[in-house]
Amino acid sequence: MTITTSELKKGQTILLDGEMYKIMEWSHNKQGRGSANVRLQLKNVRNGANTERTFMAGSKFEDVRLERRPAQFMYADGNEYHFMDSETYEQFTISPAVLGNAPNFMRENDTVDLLMFRNEPIDLDLPTSVVLEVTRTEPGLQGDRSTAGTKPATLETGLVTQVPLFVSTGDRIKVDTRDGKYLERA
């Protein structure tokens, strides 16, 4: 199925020059007398390389239809992440280039949605937020300051994020998977 530049949106996957790209950002530019352009920031789905391309408004692209499949994250060993399809119990590995920053928000035995293209896992669809346990943080000391203070905290997945001073080791917190920021105590 082909789509035009007016139908593009962030997070969509398109086929371009025989490669699959995920649209990370896009902007529409119209300058004076010239024709409009669409600037796309793209991430190669297979190798994780980022690129920026500009196209004339009205350009056509092949839309990639992805199949959503639930899978259980089993474990990581070195440079590979092992998953099991929740329906067929088939096991497979995915490279870190495909997952991006998703491992920061996945624990062993968590169920996630894999996006598949022709039975090949190409991306992971995470929920907007996840609840993780704080494994290490310093005690917070409230001093003379006019704004709320923050401190670094290491979470059970290894992610380090800034949390309010009242959060302590062992607390469970909700974290935004889009930017890794603290949302609230869980």
N, C-alpha and C. Protein backbone atom coordinates (compact mmCIF):
# COMPACT_ATOMS: atom_id res chain seq x y z
N MET A 1 0.84 -1.18 0.00
CA MET A 1 0.00 0.00 0.00
C MET A 1 0.88 1.24 0.00
N THR A 2 0.60 2.18 -0.88
CA THR A 2 1.39 3.41 -0.94
C THR A 2 0.68 4.52 -0.19
N ILE A 3 1.50 5.38 0.43
CA ILE A 3 0.98 6.54 1.14
C ILE A 3 1.77 7.76 0.68
N THR A 4 1.19 8.93 0.86
CA THR A 4 1.87 10.18 0.47
C THR A 4 2.42 10.87 1.71
N THR A 5 3.16 11.94 1.49
CA THR A 5 3.78 12.67 2.60
C THR A 5 2.74 13.22 3.57
N SER A 6 1.54 13.51 3.10
CA SER A 6 0.50 14.06 3.99
C SER A 6 -0.03 13.01 4.96
N GLU A 7 0.21 11.73 4.69
CA GLU A 7 -0.29 10.65 5.55
C GLU A 7 0.77 10.11 6.52
N LEU A 8 1.99 10.66 6.46
CA LEU A 8 3.06 10.18 7.32
C LEU A 8 2.85 10.64 8.75
N LYS A 9 3.30 9.81 9.71
CA LYS A 9 3.25 10.21 11.11
C LYS A 9 4.41 9.58 11.86
N LYS A 10 4.73 10.18 12.99
CA LYS A 10 5.83 9.71 13.82
C LYS A 10 5.55 8.28 14.28
N GLY A 11 6.59 7.43 14.23
CA GLY A 11 6.46 6.04 14.66
C GLY A 11 6.07 5.09 13.56
N GLN A 12 5.68 5.61 12.40
CA GLN A 12 5.26 4.77 11.28
C GLN A 12 6.48 4.15 10.60
N THR A 13 6.32 2.97 10.04
CA THR A 13 7.41 2.29 9.34
C THR A 13 7.12 2.31 7.85
N ILE A 14 8.13 2.73 7.06
CA ILE A 14 7.98 2.81 5.60
C ILE A 14 9.12 2.04 4.94
N LEU A 15 8.90 1.68 3.68
CA LEU A 15 9.92 1.02 2.87
C LEU A 15 10.50 2.06 1.95
N LEU A 16 11.82 2.24 1.98
CA LEU A 16 12.50 3.27 1.19
C LEU A 16 13.81 2.69 0.68
N ASP A 17 14.00 2.68 -0.63
CA ASP A 17 15.21 2.13 -1.26
C ASP A 17 15.48 0.69 -0.81
N GLY A 18 14.42 -0.09 -0.65
CA GLY A 18 14.56 -1.49 -0.29
C GLY A 18 14.83 -1.73 1.19
N GLU A 19 14.89 -0.69 2.00
CA GLU A 19 15.14 -0.82 3.44
C GLU A 19 13.94 -0.32 4.22
N MET A 20 13.72 -0.88 5.41
CA MET A 20 12.64 -0.43 6.28
C MET A 20 13.18 0.64 7.21
N TYR A 21 12.42 1.74 7.31
CA TYR A 21 12.78 2.84 8.19
C TYR A 21 11.60 3.21 9.07
N LYS A 22 11.91 3.54 10.32
CA LYS A 22 10.89 4.03 11.24
C LYS A 22 11.03 5.55 11.28
N ILE A 23 9.91 6.27 11.17
CA ILE A 23 9.93 7.73 11.19
C ILE A 23 10.05 8.17 12.65
N MET A 24 11.17 8.82 12.97
CA MET A 24 11.41 9.30 14.33
C MET A 24 10.85 10.71 14.51
N GLU A 25 11.03 11.56 13.54
CA GLU A 25 10.52 12.94 13.54
C GLU A 25 10.22 13.32 12.10
N TRP A 26 9.30 14.25 11.92
CA TRP A 26 9.04 14.77 10.58
C TRP A 26 8.61 16.22 10.69
N SER A 27 8.91 17.00 9.66
CA SER A 27 8.47 18.39 9.64
C SER A 27 8.14 18.79 8.21
N HIS A 28 7.14 19.64 8.08
CA HIS A 28 6.68 20.12 6.78
C HIS A 28 7.19 21.55 6.62
N ASN A 29 7.91 21.83 5.52
CA ASN A 29 8.50 23.15 5.30
C ASN A 29 7.98 23.74 4.00
N LYS A 30 7.46 24.94 4.06
CA LYS A 30 7.00 25.67 2.86
C LYS A 30 7.73 27.00 2.85
N GLN A 31 8.50 27.24 1.78
CA GLN A 31 9.29 28.46 1.71
C GLN A 31 8.89 29.27 0.49
N GLY A 32 8.46 30.47 0.74
CA GLY A 32 8.18 31.43 -0.32
C GLY A 32 7.50 30.86 -1.55
N ARG A 33 8.16 31.01 -2.70
CA ARG A 33 7.59 30.59 -3.98
C ARG A 33 7.81 29.13 -4.29
N GLY A 34 8.78 28.51 -3.65
CA GLY A 34 9.10 27.12 -3.96
C GLY A 34 8.04 26.16 -3.47
N SER A 35 8.21 24.92 -3.86
CA SER A 35 7.25 23.90 -3.42
C SER A 35 7.57 23.47 -1.99
N ALA A 36 6.61 22.85 -1.35
CA ALA A 36 6.77 22.40 0.03
C ALA A 36 7.65 21.16 0.09
N ASN A 37 8.37 21.03 1.18
CA ASN A 37 9.23 19.87 1.43
C ASN A 37 8.82 19.21 2.74
N VAL A 38 9.12 17.93 2.84
CA VAL A 38 8.92 17.20 4.08
C VAL A 38 10.28 16.64 4.48
N ARG A 39 10.74 17.00 5.68
CA ARG A 39 12.02 16.52 6.19
C ARG A 39 11.74 15.40 7.18
N LEU A 40 12.35 14.25 6.95
CA LEU A 40 12.14 13.08 7.81
C LEU A 40 13.43 12.69 8.51
N GLN A 41 13.34 12.43 9.80
CA GLN A 41 14.44 11.80 10.53
C GLN A 41 14.06 10.34 10.63
N LEU A 42 14.89 9.47 10.06
CA LEU A 42 14.57 8.06 9.92
C LEU A 42 15.56 7.19 10.67
N LYS A 43 15.08 6.05 11.16
CA LYS A 43 15.94 5.06 11.81
C LYS A 43 15.80 3.77 11.04
N ASN A 44 16.92 3.25 10.54
CA ASN A 44 16.91 1.97 9.84
C ASN A 44 16.53 0.88 10.84
N VAL A 45 15.49 0.14 10.53
CA VAL A 45 14.95 -0.85 11.45
C VAL A 45 15.92 -2.00 11.68
N ARG A 46 16.66 -2.40 10.69
CA ARG A 46 17.53 -3.57 10.81
C ARG A 46 18.86 -3.27 11.51
N ASN A 47 19.48 -2.12 11.21
CA ASN A 47 20.79 -1.87 11.80
C ASN A 47 20.83 -0.70 12.78
N GLY A 48 19.71 0.02 12.94
CA GLY A 48 19.64 1.09 13.92
C GLY A 48 20.26 2.41 13.50
N ALA A 49 20.78 2.50 12.26
CA ALA A 49 21.41 3.74 11.80
C ALA A 49 20.37 4.83 11.59
N ASN A 50 20.71 6.04 12.01
CA ASN A 50 19.82 7.19 11.83
C ASN A 50 20.23 8.00 10.62
N THR A 51 19.25 8.53 9.91
CA THR A 51 19.51 9.35 8.74
C THR A 51 18.42 10.41 8.62
N GLU A 52 18.73 11.47 7.91
CA GLU A 52 17.75 12.52 7.67
C GLU A 52 17.61 12.70 6.16
N ARG A 53 16.38 12.73 5.68
CA ARG A 53 16.12 12.87 4.25
C ARG A 53 15.03 13.90 4.03
N THR A 54 15.09 14.57 2.89
CA THR A 54 14.08 15.57 2.52
C THR A 54 13.40 15.12 1.24
N PHE A 55 12.07 15.25 1.20
CA PHE A 55 11.28 14.83 0.04
C PHE A 55 10.33 15.96 -0.36
N MET A 56 9.98 15.98 -1.62
CA MET A 56 8.99 16.93 -2.10
C MET A 56 7.63 16.54 -1.54
N ALA A 57 6.79 17.53 -1.25
CA ALA A 57 5.43 17.25 -0.78
C ALA A 57 4.72 16.45 -1.86
N GLY A 58 3.97 15.45 -1.45
CA GLY A 58 3.27 14.60 -2.41
C GLY A 58 4.03 13.35 -2.81
N SER A 59 5.27 13.22 -2.35
CA SER A 59 6.04 12.00 -2.65
C SER A 59 5.32 10.80 -2.08
N LYS A 60 5.51 9.64 -2.73
CA LYS A 60 4.83 8.42 -2.30
C LYS A 60 5.83 7.45 -1.70
N PHE A 61 5.33 6.73 -0.69
CA PHE A 61 6.14 5.74 0.01
C PHE A 61 5.32 4.46 0.15
N GLU A 62 6.03 3.35 0.31
CA GLU A 62 5.34 2.10 0.56
C GLU A 62 5.22 1.91 2.07
N ASP A 63 3.99 1.81 2.53
CA ASP A 63 3.71 1.61 3.95
C ASP A 63 3.96 0.15 4.30
N VAL A 64 4.61 -0.08 5.42
CA VAL A 64 4.89 -1.44 5.87
C VAL A 64 3.85 -1.79 6.93
N ARG A 65 3.08 -2.81 6.67
CA ARG A 65 2.07 -3.29 7.62
C ARG A 65 2.73 -4.28 8.56
N LEU A 66 2.70 -3.94 9.83
CA LEU A 66 3.36 -4.76 10.83
C LEU A 66 2.34 -5.59 11.61
N GLU A 67 2.73 -6.80 11.92
CA GLU A 67 1.89 -7.69 12.72
C GLU A 67 2.33 -7.57 14.18
N ARG A 68 1.39 -7.38 15.06
CA ARG A 68 1.67 -7.27 16.50
C ARG A 68 1.53 -8.65 17.13
N ARG A 69 2.59 -9.07 17.84
CA ARG A 69 2.59 -10.40 18.44
C ARG A 69 3.09 -10.32 19.88
N PRO A 70 2.32 -10.84 20.85
CA PRO A 70 2.79 -10.82 22.24
C PRO A 70 3.94 -11.81 22.41
N ALA A 71 4.96 -11.37 23.16
CA ALA A 71 6.11 -12.24 23.42
C ALA A 71 6.61 -11.98 24.83
N GLN A 72 7.22 -13.01 25.40
CA GLN A 72 7.76 -12.90 26.75
C GLN A 72 9.27 -12.70 26.66
N PHE A 73 9.77 -11.66 27.34
CA PHE A 73 11.20 -11.43 27.41
C PHE A 73 11.77 -12.43 28.40
N MET A 74 12.66 -13.31 27.92
CA MET A 74 13.19 -14.36 28.77
C MET A 74 14.47 -13.92 29.48
N TYR A 75 15.51 -13.56 28.71
CA TYR A 75 16.77 -13.16 29.33
C TYR A 75 17.67 -12.51 28.28
N ALA A 76 18.72 -11.86 28.77
CA ALA A 76 19.73 -11.26 27.89
C ALA A 76 21.05 -11.95 28.17
N ASP A 77 21.81 -12.21 27.11
CA ASP A 77 23.15 -12.76 27.30
C ASP A 77 24.10 -12.05 26.35
N GLY A 78 24.89 -11.17 26.92
CA GLY A 78 25.84 -10.43 26.10
C GLY A 78 25.14 -9.48 25.15
N ASN A 79 25.22 -9.78 23.86
CA ASN A 79 24.67 -8.86 22.85
C ASN A 79 23.36 -9.33 22.25
N GLU A 80 22.67 -10.28 22.87
CA GLU A 80 21.40 -10.73 22.32
C GLU A 80 20.34 -10.80 23.41
N TYR A 81 19.11 -10.56 22.99
CA TYR A 81 17.97 -10.62 23.89
C TYR A 81 17.07 -11.75 23.42
N HIS A 82 16.70 -12.62 24.34
CA HIS A 82 15.94 -13.82 24.01
C HIS A 82 14.47 -13.65 24.39
N PHE A 83 13.58 -13.97 23.44
CA PHE A 83 12.14 -13.84 23.61
C PHE A 83 11.47 -15.16 23.26
N MET A 84 10.24 -15.34 23.78
CA MET A 84 9.43 -16.50 23.42
C MET A 84 8.06 -16.00 22.98
N ASP A 85 7.62 -16.44 21.81
CA ASP A 85 6.30 -16.10 21.30
C ASP A 85 5.26 -16.70 22.25
N SER A 86 4.35 -15.86 22.76
CA SER A 86 3.37 -16.31 23.75
C SER A 86 2.32 -17.25 23.17
N GLU A 87 2.16 -17.28 21.86
CA GLU A 87 1.15 -18.13 21.24
C GLU A 87 1.73 -19.45 20.74
N THR A 88 2.90 -19.40 20.09
CA THR A 88 3.48 -20.61 19.49
C THR A 88 4.60 -21.21 20.34
N TYR A 89 5.06 -20.51 21.37
CA TYR A 89 6.16 -20.92 22.23
C TYR A 89 7.48 -21.03 21.48
N GLU A 90 7.56 -20.44 20.31
CA GLU A 90 8.80 -20.40 19.53
C GLU A 90 9.74 -19.39 20.19
N GLN A 91 11.03 -19.76 20.29
CA GLN A 91 12.01 -18.87 20.89
C GLN A 91 12.89 -18.26 19.80
N PHE A 92 13.26 -16.99 19.99
CA PHE A 92 14.11 -16.30 19.02
C PHE A 92 14.89 -15.21 19.72
N THR A 93 15.93 -14.71 19.04
CA THR A 93 16.78 -13.66 19.62
C THR A 93 16.64 -12.38 18.79
N ILE A 94 16.86 -11.26 19.47
CA ILE A 94 16.80 -9.95 18.82
C ILE A 94 18.05 -9.18 19.23
N SER A 95 18.64 -8.47 18.26
CA SER A 95 19.86 -7.71 18.54
C SER A 95 19.52 -6.38 19.23
N PRO A 96 20.48 -5.80 19.95
CA PRO A 96 20.26 -4.52 20.62
C PRO A 96 19.95 -3.38 19.64
N ALA A 97 20.45 -3.45 18.40
CA ALA A 97 20.18 -2.39 17.42
C ALA A 97 18.69 -2.30 17.12
N VAL A 98 17.99 -3.43 17.12
CA VAL A 98 16.55 -3.44 16.85
C VAL A 98 15.78 -2.89 18.06
N LEU A 99 16.23 -3.22 19.26
CA LEU A 99 15.51 -2.85 20.47
C LEU A 99 15.70 -1.40 20.89
N GLY A 100 16.81 -0.78 20.51
CA GLY A 100 17.05 0.61 20.93
C GLY A 100 17.19 0.70 22.44
N ASN A 101 16.41 1.60 23.08
CA ASN A 101 16.51 1.76 24.53
C ASN A 101 15.49 0.91 25.29
N ALA A 102 14.76 0.04 24.62
CA ALA A 102 13.73 -0.79 25.26
C ALA A 102 14.26 -1.65 26.40
N PRO A 103 15.50 -2.19 26.36
CA PRO A 103 15.97 -3.00 27.48
C PRO A 103 15.98 -2.26 28.82
N ASN A 104 16.03 -0.92 28.78
CA ASN A 104 15.98 -0.14 30.03
C ASN A 104 14.64 -0.27 30.75
N PHE A 105 13.62 -0.78 30.06
CA PHE A 105 12.28 -0.83 30.62
C PHE A 105 11.71 -2.25 30.67
N MET A 106 12.54 -3.26 30.39
CA MET A 106 12.08 -4.66 30.37
C MET A 106 12.75 -5.45 31.47
N ARG A 107 11.97 -6.24 32.17
CA ARG A 107 12.49 -7.18 33.16
C ARG A 107 12.27 -8.59 32.63
N GLU A 108 13.03 -9.54 33.13
CA GLU A 108 12.83 -10.92 32.72
C GLU A 108 11.39 -11.34 33.02
N ASN A 109 10.80 -12.09 32.11
CA ASN A 109 9.43 -12.61 32.18
C ASN A 109 8.35 -11.57 31.88
N ASP A 110 8.73 -10.33 31.56
CA ASP A 110 7.73 -9.33 31.14
C ASP A 110 7.18 -9.70 29.77
N THR A 111 5.90 -9.44 29.55
CA THR A 111 5.29 -9.66 28.24
C THR A 111 5.26 -8.33 27.50
N VAL A 112 5.75 -8.34 26.27
CA VAL A 112 5.79 -7.12 25.45
C VAL A 112 5.16 -7.43 24.09
N ASP A 113 4.85 -6.40 23.33
CA ASP A 113 4.33 -6.57 21.98
C ASP A 113 5.45 -6.39 20.98
N LEU A 114 5.75 -7.46 20.23
CA LEU A 114 6.74 -7.37 19.16
C LEU A 114 6.03 -7.00 17.87
N LEU A 115 6.66 -6.15 17.08
CA LEU A 115 6.14 -5.81 15.77
C LEU A 115 6.92 -6.62 14.76
N MET A 116 6.19 -7.43 13.99
CA MET A 116 6.82 -8.37 13.06
C MET A 116 6.51 -7.98 11.62
N PHE A 117 7.49 -8.21 10.74
CA PHE A 117 7.32 -8.02 9.30
C PHE A 117 7.82 -9.29 8.63
N ARG A 118 6.91 -10.01 7.98
CA ARG A 118 7.25 -11.28 7.33
C ARG A 118 7.95 -12.23 8.30
N ASN A 119 7.37 -12.38 9.49
CA ASN A 119 7.88 -13.25 10.56
C ASN A 119 9.27 -12.87 11.07
N GLU A 120 9.69 -11.64 10.86
CA GLU A 120 10.96 -11.14 11.40
C GLU A 120 10.65 -10.04 12.40
N PRO A 121 11.13 -10.16 13.66
CA PRO A 121 10.89 -9.09 14.63
C PRO A 121 11.70 -7.85 14.25
N ILE A 122 11.02 -6.71 14.12
CA ILE A 122 11.73 -5.50 13.71
C ILE A 122 11.62 -4.36 14.71
N ASP A 123 10.70 -4.47 15.67
CA ASP A 123 10.55 -3.40 16.65
C ASP A 123 9.78 -3.92 17.85
N LEU A 124 9.79 -3.14 18.90
CA LEU A 124 9.13 -3.48 20.14
C LEU A 124 8.19 -2.35 20.50
N ASP A 125 6.97 -2.67 20.87
CA ASP A 125 6.01 -1.65 21.27
C ASP A 125 5.84 -1.71 22.78
N LEU A 126 6.39 -0.71 23.46
CA LEU A 126 6.33 -0.66 24.91
C LEU A 126 5.11 0.12 25.37
N PRO A 127 4.62 -0.15 26.58
CA PRO A 127 3.57 0.71 27.12
C PRO A 127 4.15 2.10 27.39
N THR A 128 3.31 3.08 27.61
CA THR A 128 3.78 4.45 27.83
C THR A 128 4.58 4.57 29.12
N SER A 129 4.22 3.76 30.12
CA SER A 129 4.97 3.80 31.37
C SER A 129 5.08 2.39 31.95
N VAL A 130 6.12 2.19 32.77
CA VAL A 130 6.32 0.91 33.45
C VAL A 130 6.66 1.18 34.91
N VAL A 131 6.41 0.18 35.76
CA VAL A 131 6.75 0.28 37.18
C VAL A 131 8.02 -0.53 37.42
N LEU A 132 9.04 0.13 37.98
CA LEU A 132 10.32 -0.51 38.25
C LEU A 132 10.75 -0.23 39.69
N GLU A 133 11.57 -1.12 40.22
CA GLU A 133 12.05 -0.95 41.60
C GLU A 133 13.37 -0.20 41.61
N VAL A 134 13.53 0.68 42.60
CA VAL A 134 14.79 1.42 42.79
C VAL A 134 15.74 0.48 43.53
N THR A 135 16.88 0.16 42.92
CA THR A 135 17.83 -0.75 43.56
C THR A 135 18.92 0.00 44.32
N ARG A 136 19.16 1.26 43.96
CA ARG A 136 20.21 2.02 44.63
C ARG A 136 19.96 3.51 44.46
N THR A 137 20.00 4.22 45.59
CA THR A 137 19.95 5.68 45.56
C THR A 137 20.47 6.19 46.90
N GLU A 138 21.01 7.37 46.89
CA GLU A 138 21.52 7.98 48.11
C GLU A 138 20.37 8.56 48.91
N PRO A 139 20.51 8.66 50.22
CA PRO A 139 19.46 9.32 51.00
C PRO A 139 19.37 10.79 50.59
N GLY A 140 18.16 11.30 50.50
CA GLY A 140 17.97 12.68 50.09
C GLY A 140 17.99 13.62 51.27
N LEU A 141 18.73 14.70 51.14
CA LEU A 141 18.79 15.71 52.19
C LEU A 141 18.19 17.00 51.65
N GLN A 142 17.15 17.47 52.31
CA GLN A 142 16.49 18.69 51.87
C GLN A 142 17.27 19.85 52.49
N GLY A 143 17.80 20.71 51.63
CA GLY A 143 18.56 21.86 52.11
C GLY A 143 17.80 23.15 51.87
N ASP A 144 18.53 24.23 51.84
CA ASP A 144 17.93 25.54 51.59
C ASP A 144 17.81 25.73 50.08
N ARG A 145 16.67 25.39 49.55
CA ARG A 145 16.45 25.60 48.12
C ARG A 145 14.99 25.97 47.90
N SER A 146 14.75 26.68 46.83
CA SER A 146 13.39 27.14 46.57
C SER A 146 12.59 26.17 45.72
N THR A 147 13.27 25.22 45.06
CA THR A 147 12.56 24.25 44.24
C THR A 147 12.80 22.85 44.77
N ALA A 148 11.98 21.93 44.35
CA ALA A 148 12.13 20.54 44.78
C ALA A 148 13.43 19.97 44.24
N GLY A 149 14.15 19.24 45.07
CA GLY A 149 15.41 18.66 44.66
C GLY A 149 15.23 17.28 44.06
N THR A 150 16.22 16.85 43.30
CA THR A 150 16.22 15.51 42.73
C THR A 150 17.58 14.87 42.98
N LYS A 151 17.62 13.56 42.81
CA LYS A 151 18.85 12.80 42.98
C LYS A 151 18.83 11.64 42.00
N PRO A 152 20.00 11.10 41.63
CA PRO A 152 20.01 9.95 40.71
C PRO A 152 19.61 8.67 41.43
N ALA A 153 18.90 7.80 40.70
CA ALA A 153 18.51 6.50 41.24
C ALA A 153 18.74 5.45 40.17
N THR A 154 19.30 4.30 40.56
CA THR A 154 19.49 3.18 39.65
C THR A 154 18.32 2.24 39.82
N LEU A 155 17.69 1.88 38.69
CA LEU A 155 16.52 1.00 38.73
C LEU A 155 16.93 -0.44 38.46
N GLU A 156 16.02 -1.37 38.65
CA GLU A 156 16.33 -2.81 38.53
C GLU A 156 16.80 -3.22 37.15
N THR A 157 16.52 -2.44 36.12
CA THR A 157 16.97 -2.77 34.77
C THR A 157 18.32 -2.15 34.45
N GLY A 158 18.86 -1.33 35.36
CA GLY A 158 20.13 -0.65 35.13
C GLY A 158 19.97 0.79 34.70
N LEU A 159 18.75 1.21 34.42
CA LEU A 159 18.48 2.59 34.02
C LEU A 159 18.73 3.52 35.20
N VAL A 160 19.41 4.65 34.94
CA VAL A 160 19.62 5.67 35.96
C VAL A 160 18.76 6.86 35.59
N THR A 161 17.92 7.31 36.54
CA THR A 161 17.02 8.43 36.29
C THR A 161 17.00 9.33 37.51
N GLN A 162 16.56 10.56 37.32
CA GLN A 162 16.45 11.52 38.42
C GLN A 162 15.11 11.33 39.12
N VAL A 163 15.14 11.24 40.45
CA VAL A 163 13.93 11.06 41.24
C VAL A 163 13.88 12.12 42.34
N PRO A 164 12.69 12.38 42.89
CA PRO A 164 12.59 13.32 44.02
C PRO A 164 13.35 12.80 45.24
N LEU A 165 13.69 13.70 46.16
CA LEU A 165 14.49 13.34 47.33
C LEU A 165 13.82 12.33 48.25
N PHE A 166 12.48 12.25 48.26
CA PHE A 166 11.80 11.33 49.17
C PHE A 166 11.83 9.88 48.71
N VAL A 167 12.25 9.60 47.47
CA VAL A 167 12.32 8.23 46.97
C VAL A 167 13.56 7.55 47.56
N SER A 168 13.38 6.31 48.05
CA SER A 168 14.51 5.59 48.63
C SER A 168 14.66 4.20 48.00
N THR A 169 15.77 3.55 48.31
CA THR A 169 16.05 2.20 47.80
C THR A 169 14.92 1.26 48.20
N GLY A 170 14.46 0.44 47.24
CA GLY A 170 13.37 -0.50 47.49
C GLY A 170 12.01 0.03 47.06
N ASP A 171 11.88 1.34 46.85
CA ASP A 171 10.61 1.90 46.38
C ASP A 171 10.34 1.47 44.95
N ARG A 172 9.07 1.38 44.60
CA ARG A 172 8.67 1.10 43.22
C ARG A 172 8.16 2.40 42.63
N ILE A 173 8.68 2.76 41.45
CA ILE A 173 8.28 4.01 40.82
C ILE A 173 7.80 3.77 39.39
N LYS A 174 6.98 4.69 38.90
CA LYS A 174 6.50 4.62 37.53
C LYS A 174 7.41 5.52 36.68
N VAL A 175 7.88 4.96 35.55
CA VAL A 175 8.82 5.65 34.67
C VAL A 175 8.23 5.74 33.27
N ASP A 176 8.39 6.90 32.62
CA ASP A 176 7.93 7.11 31.26
C ASP A 176 8.90 6.41 30.30
N THR A 177 8.40 5.51 29.44
CA THR A 177 9.28 4.76 28.54
C THR A 177 9.74 5.59 27.35
N ARG A 178 9.14 6.73 27.10
CA ARG A 178 9.56 7.57 25.97
C ARG A 178 10.83 8.34 26.27
N ASP A 179 11.00 8.80 27.53
CA ASP A 179 12.18 9.59 27.86
C ASP A 179 12.91 9.12 29.12
N GLY A 180 12.40 8.10 29.79
CA GLY A 180 13.05 7.55 30.96
C GLY A 180 12.91 8.40 32.22
N LYS A 181 11.96 9.31 32.25
CA LYS A 181 11.80 10.20 33.40
C LYS A 181 10.83 9.64 34.43
N TYR A 182 11.09 10.01 35.67
CA TYR A 182 10.25 9.63 36.81
C TYR A 182 8.87 10.27 36.65
N LEU A 183 7.81 9.48 36.91
CA LEU A 183 6.44 10.01 36.87
C LEU A 183 5.84 10.11 38.26
N GLU A 184 5.87 9.00 39.01
CA GLU A 184 5.30 8.98 40.35
C GLU A 184 5.70 7.71 41.07
N ARG A 185 5.44 7.70 42.39
CA ARG A 185 5.66 6.48 43.16
C ARG A 185 4.52 5.52 42.89
N ALA A 186 4.82 4.22 42.81
CA ALA A 186 3.77 3.24 42.53
C ALA A 186 3.35 2.50 43.77
